[in-house]
Amino acid sequence: MQPTTLSLEEFEKTLSEIHDNLQQFILTLETEKSFLENSKYDELEASLEAKTLLIHTLEEIAVKCQALLSTAHFPFNETSIKSIIAQFPAYKQSDLQNKWVEIKELLKTCDQKNLVNGVMITTLKNYNNHMLHILTQRPKESVYSNQSKKMYTAAVSTREHKA
């Protein structure tokens, strides 16, 4: 079963929505990174809300795209997307193929930027935990005292020792 013209139009619209939302997501990730680098934690919280909204929007678009492909009896994968693009008139195919390539690149960029931000957040969390540990607990033993060197004076019983 081949998709109808309306389905092709809907598919084209969905690709554009994915593209536009990924571009917006990248801007949100860049803003998030800037807030992390400059310790603007109040602004970071608002940015997190925008990021969450974009993630939900992208999830909704992905479900919509999956349903669109499913009604046309296509699995939700790259081969199907390329097959559908091939069904468009020749003058649109090139633009849609370019848009698909851009979407894949945007996804990679989003992944990399999100990974960097995650590393920054983890680093800040670890630093804060370390500082809180120092501020709230005293070390049990001083690093430079003799207490840190424990002497074990257990009896040793070996043949060499007995001889």
N, C-alpha and C. Protein backbone atom coordinates (compact mmCIF):
# COMPACT_ATOMS: atom_id res chain seq x y z
N MET A 1 0.84 -1.18 0.00
CA MET A 1 0.00 0.00 0.00
C MET A 1 0.88 1.24 0.00
N GLN A 2 0.65 2.14 -0.88
CA GLN A 2 1.45 3.36 -0.98
C GLN A 2 0.76 4.49 -0.23
N PRO A 3 1.54 5.39 0.38
CA PRO A 3 0.91 6.49 1.08
C PRO A 3 0.21 7.42 0.09
N THR A 4 -0.85 8.06 0.55
CA THR A 4 -1.57 9.00 -0.29
C THR A 4 -0.82 10.32 -0.34
N THR A 5 -1.28 11.21 -1.24
CA THR A 5 -0.64 12.53 -1.36
C THR A 5 -0.72 13.27 -0.03
N LEU A 6 -1.86 13.13 0.65
CA LEU A 6 -2.02 13.77 1.95
C LEU A 6 -0.97 13.24 2.94
N SER A 7 -0.71 11.94 2.91
CA SER A 7 0.30 11.36 3.78
C SER A 7 1.69 11.89 3.44
N LEU A 8 1.95 12.10 2.16
CA LEU A 8 3.24 12.67 1.77
C LEU A 8 3.35 14.10 2.29
N GLU A 9 2.27 14.84 2.20
CA GLU A 9 2.28 16.21 2.72
C GLU A 9 2.49 16.20 4.24
N GLU A 10 1.80 15.28 4.90
CA GLU A 10 1.95 15.16 6.35
C GLU A 10 3.37 14.74 6.72
N PHE A 11 3.94 13.84 5.94
CA PHE A 11 5.32 13.40 6.16
C PHE A 11 6.28 14.58 6.01
N GLU A 12 6.09 15.36 4.96
CA GLU A 12 6.94 16.53 4.74
C GLU A 12 6.82 17.52 5.91
N LYS A 13 5.61 17.73 6.37
CA LYS A 13 5.37 18.63 7.51
C LYS A 13 6.06 18.08 8.77
N THR A 14 5.98 16.78 8.96
CA THR A 14 6.59 16.16 10.13
C THR A 14 8.11 16.30 10.10
N LEU A 15 8.71 16.09 8.93
CA LEU A 15 10.16 16.27 8.81
C LEU A 15 10.56 17.70 9.16
N SER A 16 9.78 18.66 8.69
CA SER A 16 10.06 20.07 9.00
C SER A 16 9.94 20.35 10.50
N GLU A 17 8.93 19.75 11.12
CA GLU A 17 8.76 19.92 12.57
C GLU A 17 9.95 19.34 13.33
N ILE A 18 10.39 18.17 12.93
CA ILE A 18 11.55 17.55 13.57
C ILE A 18 12.77 18.46 13.41
N HIS A 19 13.00 18.91 12.21
CA HIS A 19 14.14 19.78 11.90
C HIS A 19 14.11 21.05 12.75
N ASP A 20 12.97 21.74 12.75
CA ASP A 20 12.85 22.99 13.49
C ASP A 20 13.02 22.80 14.99
N ASN A 21 12.42 21.74 15.53
CA ASN A 21 12.53 21.50 16.97
C ASN A 21 13.93 21.07 17.37
N LEU A 22 14.64 20.35 16.51
CA LEU A 22 16.03 19.99 16.83
C LEU A 22 16.92 21.23 16.83
N GLN A 23 16.68 22.15 15.90
CA GLN A 23 17.45 23.39 15.90
C GLN A 23 17.20 24.17 17.19
N GLN A 24 15.95 24.21 17.62
CA GLN A 24 15.61 24.90 18.87
C GLN A 24 16.23 24.19 20.07
N PHE A 25 16.27 22.87 20.02
CA PHE A 25 16.85 22.09 21.10
C PHE A 25 18.35 22.38 21.23
N ILE A 26 19.02 22.52 20.10
CA ILE A 26 20.45 22.85 20.12
C ILE A 26 20.67 24.22 20.77
N LEU A 27 19.85 25.18 20.43
CA LEU A 27 19.95 26.51 21.06
C LEU A 27 19.73 26.42 22.57
N THR A 28 18.78 25.60 22.97
CA THR A 28 18.51 25.41 24.40
C THR A 28 19.70 24.76 25.10
N LEU A 29 20.32 23.78 24.45
CA LEU A 29 21.51 23.13 25.03
C LEU A 29 22.68 24.11 25.13
N GLU A 30 22.84 24.96 24.14
CA GLU A 30 23.91 25.96 24.18
C GLU A 30 23.66 26.97 25.30
N THR A 31 22.40 27.36 25.49
CA THR A 31 22.05 28.27 26.58
C THR A 31 22.31 27.60 27.92
N GLU A 32 21.92 26.33 28.02
CA GLU A 32 22.16 25.57 29.25
C GLU A 32 23.65 25.53 29.58
N LYS A 33 24.48 25.28 28.58
CA LYS A 33 25.92 25.23 28.80
C LYS A 33 26.44 26.57 29.29
N SER A 34 25.96 27.64 28.69
CA SER A 34 26.38 28.98 29.10
C SER A 34 26.00 29.24 30.56
N PHE A 35 24.80 28.85 30.94
CA PHE A 35 24.37 29.03 32.33
C PHE A 35 25.23 28.20 33.28
N LEU A 36 25.59 26.99 32.88
CA LEU A 36 26.45 26.14 33.71
C LEU A 36 27.84 26.76 33.86
N GLU A 37 28.39 27.24 32.76
CA GLU A 37 29.73 27.82 32.78
C GLU A 37 29.79 29.09 33.63
N ASN A 38 28.69 29.84 33.66
CA ASN A 38 28.67 31.12 34.37
C ASN A 38 27.94 31.05 35.71
N SER A 39 27.66 29.84 36.17
CA SER A 39 27.01 29.61 37.46
C SER A 39 25.72 30.40 37.61
N LYS A 40 24.92 30.45 36.56
CA LYS A 40 23.63 31.13 36.60
C LYS A 40 22.55 30.07 36.83
N TYR A 41 22.44 29.64 38.08
CA TYR A 41 21.60 28.50 38.39
C TYR A 41 20.11 28.81 38.36
N ASP A 42 19.73 30.06 38.66
CA ASP A 42 18.32 30.43 38.57
C ASP A 42 17.84 30.38 37.12
N GLU A 43 18.67 30.91 36.22
CA GLU A 43 18.33 30.87 34.79
C GLU A 43 18.36 29.43 34.27
N LEU A 44 19.23 28.62 34.84
CA LEU A 44 19.35 27.22 34.43
C LEU A 44 18.04 26.48 34.68
N GLU A 45 17.40 26.79 35.77
CA GLU A 45 16.13 26.12 36.09
C GLU A 45 15.07 26.44 35.04
N ALA A 46 14.99 27.70 34.61
CA ALA A 46 14.03 28.08 33.56
C ALA A 46 14.40 27.40 32.24
N SER A 47 15.70 27.32 31.98
CA SER A 47 16.17 26.67 30.76
C SER A 47 15.82 25.19 30.78
N LEU A 48 15.87 24.59 31.95
CA LEU A 48 15.51 23.18 32.09
C LEU A 48 14.05 22.94 31.73
N GLU A 49 13.19 23.88 32.11
CA GLU A 49 11.78 23.77 31.76
C GLU A 49 11.59 23.83 30.24
N ALA A 50 12.31 24.74 29.58
CA ALA A 50 12.24 24.85 28.12
C ALA A 50 12.77 23.58 27.46
N LYS A 51 13.85 23.04 28.01
CA LYS A 51 14.45 21.82 27.48
C LYS A 51 13.47 20.65 27.62
N THR A 52 12.83 20.54 28.76
CA THR A 52 11.86 19.48 29.00
C THR A 52 10.69 19.59 28.03
N LEU A 53 10.22 20.80 27.81
CA LEU A 53 9.11 21.01 26.87
C LEU A 53 9.51 20.59 25.45
N LEU A 54 10.72 20.95 25.04
CA LEU A 54 11.20 20.55 23.72
C LEU A 54 11.34 19.03 23.60
N ILE A 55 11.81 18.39 24.64
CA ILE A 55 11.94 16.93 24.63
C ILE A 55 10.57 16.29 24.45
N HIS A 56 9.57 16.79 25.19
CA HIS A 56 8.21 16.25 25.06
C HIS A 56 7.66 16.49 23.66
N THR A 57 7.93 17.67 23.11
CA THR A 57 7.47 17.98 21.75
C THR A 57 8.11 17.03 20.74
N LEU A 58 9.42 16.82 20.88
CA LEU A 58 10.11 15.90 19.97
C LEU A 58 9.59 14.47 20.11
N GLU A 59 9.28 14.06 21.34
CA GLU A 59 8.71 12.72 21.55
C GLU A 59 7.35 12.60 20.86
N GLU A 60 6.52 13.65 20.97
CA GLU A 60 5.21 13.65 20.32
C GLU A 60 5.36 13.57 18.80
N ILE A 61 6.30 14.32 18.26
CA ILE A 61 6.53 14.30 16.81
C ILE A 61 7.02 12.92 16.37
N ALA A 62 7.88 12.31 17.18
CA ALA A 62 8.38 10.96 16.84
C ALA A 62 7.24 9.95 16.83
N VAL A 63 6.34 10.04 17.79
CA VAL A 63 5.18 9.15 17.83
C VAL A 63 4.30 9.39 16.61
N LYS A 64 4.10 10.66 16.28
CA LYS A 64 3.31 11.02 15.10
C LYS A 64 3.94 10.47 13.82
N CYS A 65 5.26 10.60 13.72
CA CYS A 65 5.98 10.09 12.55
C CYS A 65 5.87 8.57 12.48
N GLN A 66 6.01 7.93 13.62
CA GLN A 66 5.91 6.47 13.66
C GLN A 66 4.51 6.02 13.24
N ALA A 67 3.49 6.72 13.70
CA ALA A 67 2.11 6.38 13.33
C ALA A 67 1.89 6.61 11.84
N LEU A 68 2.44 7.69 11.33
CA LEU A 68 2.32 8.00 9.91
C LEU A 68 2.95 6.90 9.06
N LEU A 69 4.15 6.49 9.44
CA LEU A 69 4.83 5.42 8.71
C LEU A 69 4.08 4.09 8.86
N SER A 70 3.56 3.85 10.04
CA SER A 70 2.85 2.60 10.30
C SER A 70 1.59 2.49 9.46
N THR A 71 0.84 3.58 9.31
CA THR A 71 -0.38 3.52 8.49
C THR A 71 -0.05 3.27 7.03
N ALA A 72 1.15 3.61 6.62
CA ALA A 72 1.59 3.35 5.24
C ALA A 72 2.34 2.03 5.13
N HIS A 73 2.32 1.26 6.22
CA HIS A 73 2.97 -0.06 6.28
C HIS A 73 4.49 0.03 6.11
N PHE A 74 5.08 1.06 6.69
CA PHE A 74 6.53 1.21 6.71
C PHE A 74 7.01 1.08 8.14
N PRO A 75 8.11 0.38 8.37
CA PRO A 75 8.70 0.40 9.72
C PRO A 75 9.32 1.78 9.98
N PHE A 76 9.51 2.09 11.23
CA PHE A 76 10.07 3.39 11.62
C PHE A 76 11.59 3.28 11.59
N ASN A 77 12.18 3.47 10.39
CA ASN A 77 13.64 3.42 10.25
C ASN A 77 14.08 4.28 9.07
N GLU A 78 15.38 4.40 8.90
CA GLU A 78 15.92 5.27 7.86
C GLU A 78 15.58 4.78 6.46
N THR A 79 15.58 3.49 6.25
CA THR A 79 15.25 2.94 4.93
C THR A 79 13.85 3.36 4.52
N SER A 80 12.91 3.30 5.46
CA SER A 80 11.54 3.72 5.17
C SER A 80 11.47 5.19 4.82
N ILE A 81 12.19 6.00 5.57
CA ILE A 81 12.17 7.44 5.32
C ILE A 81 12.71 7.74 3.93
N LYS A 82 13.80 7.07 3.56
CA LYS A 82 14.35 7.27 2.22
C LYS A 82 13.38 6.78 1.14
N SER A 83 12.68 5.69 1.41
CA SER A 83 11.69 5.18 0.45
C SER A 83 10.55 6.18 0.26
N ILE A 84 10.10 6.77 1.33
CA ILE A 84 9.02 7.75 1.23
C ILE A 84 9.50 8.99 0.49
N ILE A 85 10.70 9.45 0.79
CA ILE A 85 11.25 10.62 0.09
C ILE A 85 11.32 10.34 -1.41
N ALA A 86 11.64 9.11 -1.78
CA ALA A 86 11.73 8.75 -3.20
C ALA A 86 10.38 8.81 -3.91
N GLN A 87 9.29 8.82 -3.14
CA GLN A 87 7.95 8.88 -3.74
C GLN A 87 7.51 10.32 -4.05
N PHE A 88 8.26 11.28 -3.58
CA PHE A 88 7.92 12.67 -3.85
C PHE A 88 8.29 13.04 -5.28
N PRO A 89 7.69 14.10 -5.81
CA PRO A 89 8.11 14.59 -7.12
C PRO A 89 9.60 14.94 -7.10
N ALA A 90 10.24 14.78 -8.23
CA ALA A 90 11.70 14.98 -8.32
C ALA A 90 12.15 16.33 -7.78
N TYR A 91 11.38 17.38 -8.00
CA TYR A 91 11.80 18.71 -7.55
C TYR A 91 11.81 18.84 -6.02
N LYS A 92 11.09 17.96 -5.31
CA LYS A 92 11.08 18.01 -3.85
C LYS A 92 12.06 17.02 -3.22
N GLN A 93 12.40 15.98 -3.96
CA GLN A 93 13.24 14.93 -3.39
C GLN A 93 14.57 15.45 -2.87
N SER A 94 15.23 16.29 -3.64
CA SER A 94 16.54 16.79 -3.23
C SER A 94 16.45 17.58 -1.93
N ASP A 95 15.44 18.45 -1.82
CA ASP A 95 15.28 19.24 -0.60
C ASP A 95 14.99 18.35 0.60
N LEU A 96 14.14 17.35 0.41
CA LEU A 96 13.81 16.45 1.52
C LEU A 96 14.98 15.57 1.90
N GLN A 97 15.75 15.12 0.93
CA GLN A 97 16.95 14.34 1.24
C GLN A 97 17.95 15.19 2.03
N ASN A 98 18.12 16.44 1.61
CA ASN A 98 19.01 17.34 2.35
C ASN A 98 18.50 17.58 3.76
N LYS A 99 17.18 17.74 3.89
CA LYS A 99 16.60 17.96 5.22
C LYS A 99 16.83 16.73 6.10
N TRP A 100 16.70 15.53 5.51
CA TRP A 100 16.92 14.30 6.28
C TRP A 100 18.38 14.21 6.74
N VAL A 101 19.31 14.55 5.85
CA VAL A 101 20.74 14.55 6.22
C VAL A 101 20.98 15.57 7.35
N GLU A 102 20.37 16.73 7.23
CA GLU A 102 20.50 17.76 8.28
C GLU A 102 19.93 17.26 9.60
N ILE A 103 18.79 16.57 9.54
CA ILE A 103 18.18 16.04 10.77
C ILE A 103 19.13 15.07 11.45
N LYS A 104 19.76 14.20 10.69
CA LYS A 104 20.71 13.25 11.28
C LYS A 104 21.89 13.98 11.90
N GLU A 105 22.38 15.03 11.24
CA GLU A 105 23.48 15.82 11.80
C GLU A 105 23.04 16.58 13.05
N LEU A 106 21.82 17.12 13.02
CA LEU A 106 21.30 17.82 14.19
C LEU A 106 21.17 16.87 15.38
N LEU A 107 20.75 15.64 15.11
CA LEU A 107 20.65 14.65 16.18
C LEU A 107 22.01 14.36 16.80
N LYS A 108 23.04 14.24 15.96
CA LYS A 108 24.40 14.02 16.46
C LYS A 108 24.86 15.21 17.30
N THR A 109 24.59 16.41 16.80
CA THR A 109 24.97 17.62 17.52
C THR A 109 24.26 17.70 18.87
N CYS A 110 22.97 17.40 18.87
CA CYS A 110 22.21 17.39 20.13
C CYS A 110 22.81 16.40 21.12
N ASP A 111 23.13 15.23 20.63
CA ASP A 111 23.70 14.19 21.49
C ASP A 111 25.03 14.66 22.09
N GLN A 112 25.89 15.25 21.26
CA GLN A 112 27.19 15.71 21.74
C GLN A 112 27.04 16.84 22.75
N LYS A 113 26.19 17.81 22.44
CA LYS A 113 26.01 18.94 23.35
C LYS A 113 25.38 18.50 24.66
N ASN A 114 24.43 17.59 24.58
CA ASN A 114 23.80 17.09 25.79
C ASN A 114 24.79 16.30 26.64
N LEU A 115 25.67 15.55 25.99
CA LEU A 115 26.71 14.81 26.69
C LEU A 115 27.66 15.77 27.42
N VAL A 116 28.09 16.81 26.73
CA VAL A 116 28.98 17.81 27.34
C VAL A 116 28.31 18.44 28.55
N ASN A 117 27.05 18.83 28.40
CA ASN A 117 26.33 19.44 29.52
C ASN A 117 26.19 18.45 30.67
N GLY A 118 25.94 17.20 30.35
CA GLY A 118 25.83 16.18 31.40
C GLY A 118 27.13 16.01 32.16
N VAL A 119 28.25 16.04 31.44
CA VAL A 119 29.56 15.93 32.08
C VAL A 119 29.79 17.15 32.99
N MET A 120 29.42 18.33 32.50
CA MET A 120 29.58 19.54 33.31
C MET A 120 28.73 19.45 34.58
N ILE A 121 27.51 18.97 34.45
CA ILE A 121 26.63 18.84 35.61
C ILE A 121 27.19 17.83 36.59
N THR A 122 27.67 16.70 36.10
CA THR A 122 28.25 15.68 36.97
C THR A 122 29.50 16.21 37.67
N THR A 123 30.32 16.95 36.94
CA THR A 123 31.53 17.52 37.54
C THR A 123 31.17 18.50 38.64
N LEU A 124 30.20 19.37 38.38
CA LEU A 124 29.76 20.32 39.40
C LEU A 124 29.15 19.59 40.60
N LYS A 125 28.39 18.55 40.34
CA LYS A 125 27.79 17.77 41.43
C LYS A 125 28.88 17.13 42.29
N ASN A 126 29.86 16.52 41.65
CA ASN A 126 30.95 15.89 42.40
C ASN A 126 31.74 16.91 43.20
N TYR A 127 31.99 18.07 42.62
CA TYR A 127 32.71 19.14 43.32
C TYR A 127 31.90 19.60 44.53
N ASN A 128 30.61 19.82 44.33
CA ASN A 128 29.76 20.26 45.43
C ASN A 128 29.69 19.21 46.53
N ASN A 129 29.58 17.95 46.15
CA ASN A 129 29.55 16.87 47.15
C ASN A 129 30.86 16.84 47.94
N HIS A 130 31.98 17.00 47.25
CA HIS A 130 33.28 17.01 47.92
C HIS A 130 33.37 18.18 48.90
N MET A 131 32.94 19.35 48.45
CA MET A 131 32.99 20.52 49.33
C MET A 131 32.07 20.35 50.53
N LEU A 132 30.90 19.80 50.33
CA LEU A 132 29.98 19.56 51.44
C LEU A 132 30.57 18.55 52.42
N HIS A 133 31.25 17.54 51.90
CA HIS A 133 31.90 16.55 52.76
C HIS A 133 32.97 17.22 53.63
N ILE A 134 33.74 18.07 53.02
CA ILE A 134 34.80 18.77 53.76
C ILE A 134 34.19 19.69 54.81
N LEU A 135 33.13 20.38 54.46
CA LEU A 135 32.52 21.34 55.38
C LEU A 135 31.74 20.69 56.51
N THR A 136 31.22 19.50 56.30
CA THR A 136 30.35 18.90 57.31
C THR A 136 30.99 17.78 58.11
N GLN A 137 32.13 17.27 57.68
CA GLN A 137 32.76 16.17 58.41
C GLN A 137 34.25 16.44 58.59
N ARG A 138 34.72 16.06 59.76
CA ARG A 138 36.16 16.13 59.99
C ARG A 138 36.78 14.82 59.59
N PRO A 139 37.94 14.89 59.01
CA PRO A 139 38.62 13.63 58.72
C PRO A 139 38.88 12.87 60.01
N LYS A 140 38.70 11.57 60.01
CA LYS A 140 38.89 10.76 61.21
C LYS A 140 40.35 10.68 61.61
N GLU A 141 41.20 10.67 60.63
CA GLU A 141 42.64 10.60 60.89
C GLU A 141 43.33 11.64 60.03
N SER A 142 44.31 12.21 60.60
CA SER A 142 45.07 13.19 59.84
C SER A 142 45.94 12.46 58.83
N VAL A 143 46.08 13.03 57.70
CA VAL A 143 46.88 12.42 56.65
C VAL A 143 48.35 12.31 57.06
N TYR A 144 48.82 13.27 57.84
CA TYR A 144 50.24 13.33 58.17
C TYR A 144 50.57 12.75 59.56
N SER A 145 49.60 12.20 60.25
CA SER A 145 49.89 11.67 61.58
C SER A 145 50.33 10.22 61.50
N ASN A 146 50.87 9.72 62.61
CA ASN A 146 51.27 8.32 62.68
C ASN A 146 50.07 7.40 62.79
N GLN A 147 48.91 7.95 63.08
CA GLN A 147 47.73 7.12 63.23
C GLN A 147 47.34 6.47 61.91
N SER A 148 47.70 7.10 60.81
CA SER A 148 47.31 6.53 59.52
C SER A 148 48.12 5.29 59.17
N LYS A 149 49.24 5.10 59.88
CA LYS A 149 50.05 3.90 59.66
C LYS A 149 49.68 2.88 60.72
N LYS A 150 49.00 1.85 60.30
CA LYS A 150 48.57 0.83 61.26
C LYS A 150 49.59 -0.27 61.28
N MET A 151 49.94 -0.66 62.47
CA MET A 151 50.89 -1.75 62.63
C MET A 151 50.13 -3.01 62.96
N TYR A 152 50.40 -4.04 62.23
CA TYR A 152 49.80 -5.33 62.51
C TYR A 152 50.88 -6.18 63.16
N THR A 153 50.65 -6.59 64.38
CA THR A 153 51.63 -7.38 65.12
C THR A 153 51.10 -8.78 65.38
N ALA A 154 50.47 -9.35 64.42
CA ALA A 154 49.96 -10.71 64.57
C ALA A 154 51.13 -11.68 64.55
N ALA A 155 50.98 -12.77 65.27
CA ALA A 155 52.04 -13.79 65.32
C ALA A 155 52.15 -14.46 63.98
N VAL A 156 53.40 -14.67 63.57
CA VAL A 156 53.68 -15.30 62.30
C VAL A 156 54.22 -16.69 62.59
N SER A 157 53.67 -17.67 61.91
CA SER A 157 54.12 -19.03 62.14
C SER A 157 54.44 -19.65 60.79
N THR A 158 55.71 -19.64 60.48
CA THR A 158 56.17 -20.27 59.24
C THR A 158 57.31 -21.20 59.57
N ARG A 159 57.66 -22.08 58.69
CA ARG A 159 58.78 -23.01 58.92
C ARG A 159 60.06 -22.25 59.15
N GLU A 160 60.31 -21.21 58.31
CA GLU A 160 61.54 -20.46 58.45
C GLU A 160 61.63 -19.80 59.82
N HIS A 161 60.51 -19.32 60.30
CA HIS A 161 60.51 -18.64 61.58
C HIS A 161 60.77 -19.62 62.71
N LYS A 162 60.22 -20.82 62.62
CA LYS A 162 60.44 -21.83 63.66
C LYS A 162 61.86 -22.37 63.63
N ALA A 163 62.48 -22.42 62.50
CA ALA A 163 63.81 -22.98 62.41
C ALA A 163 64.76 -21.99 62.98
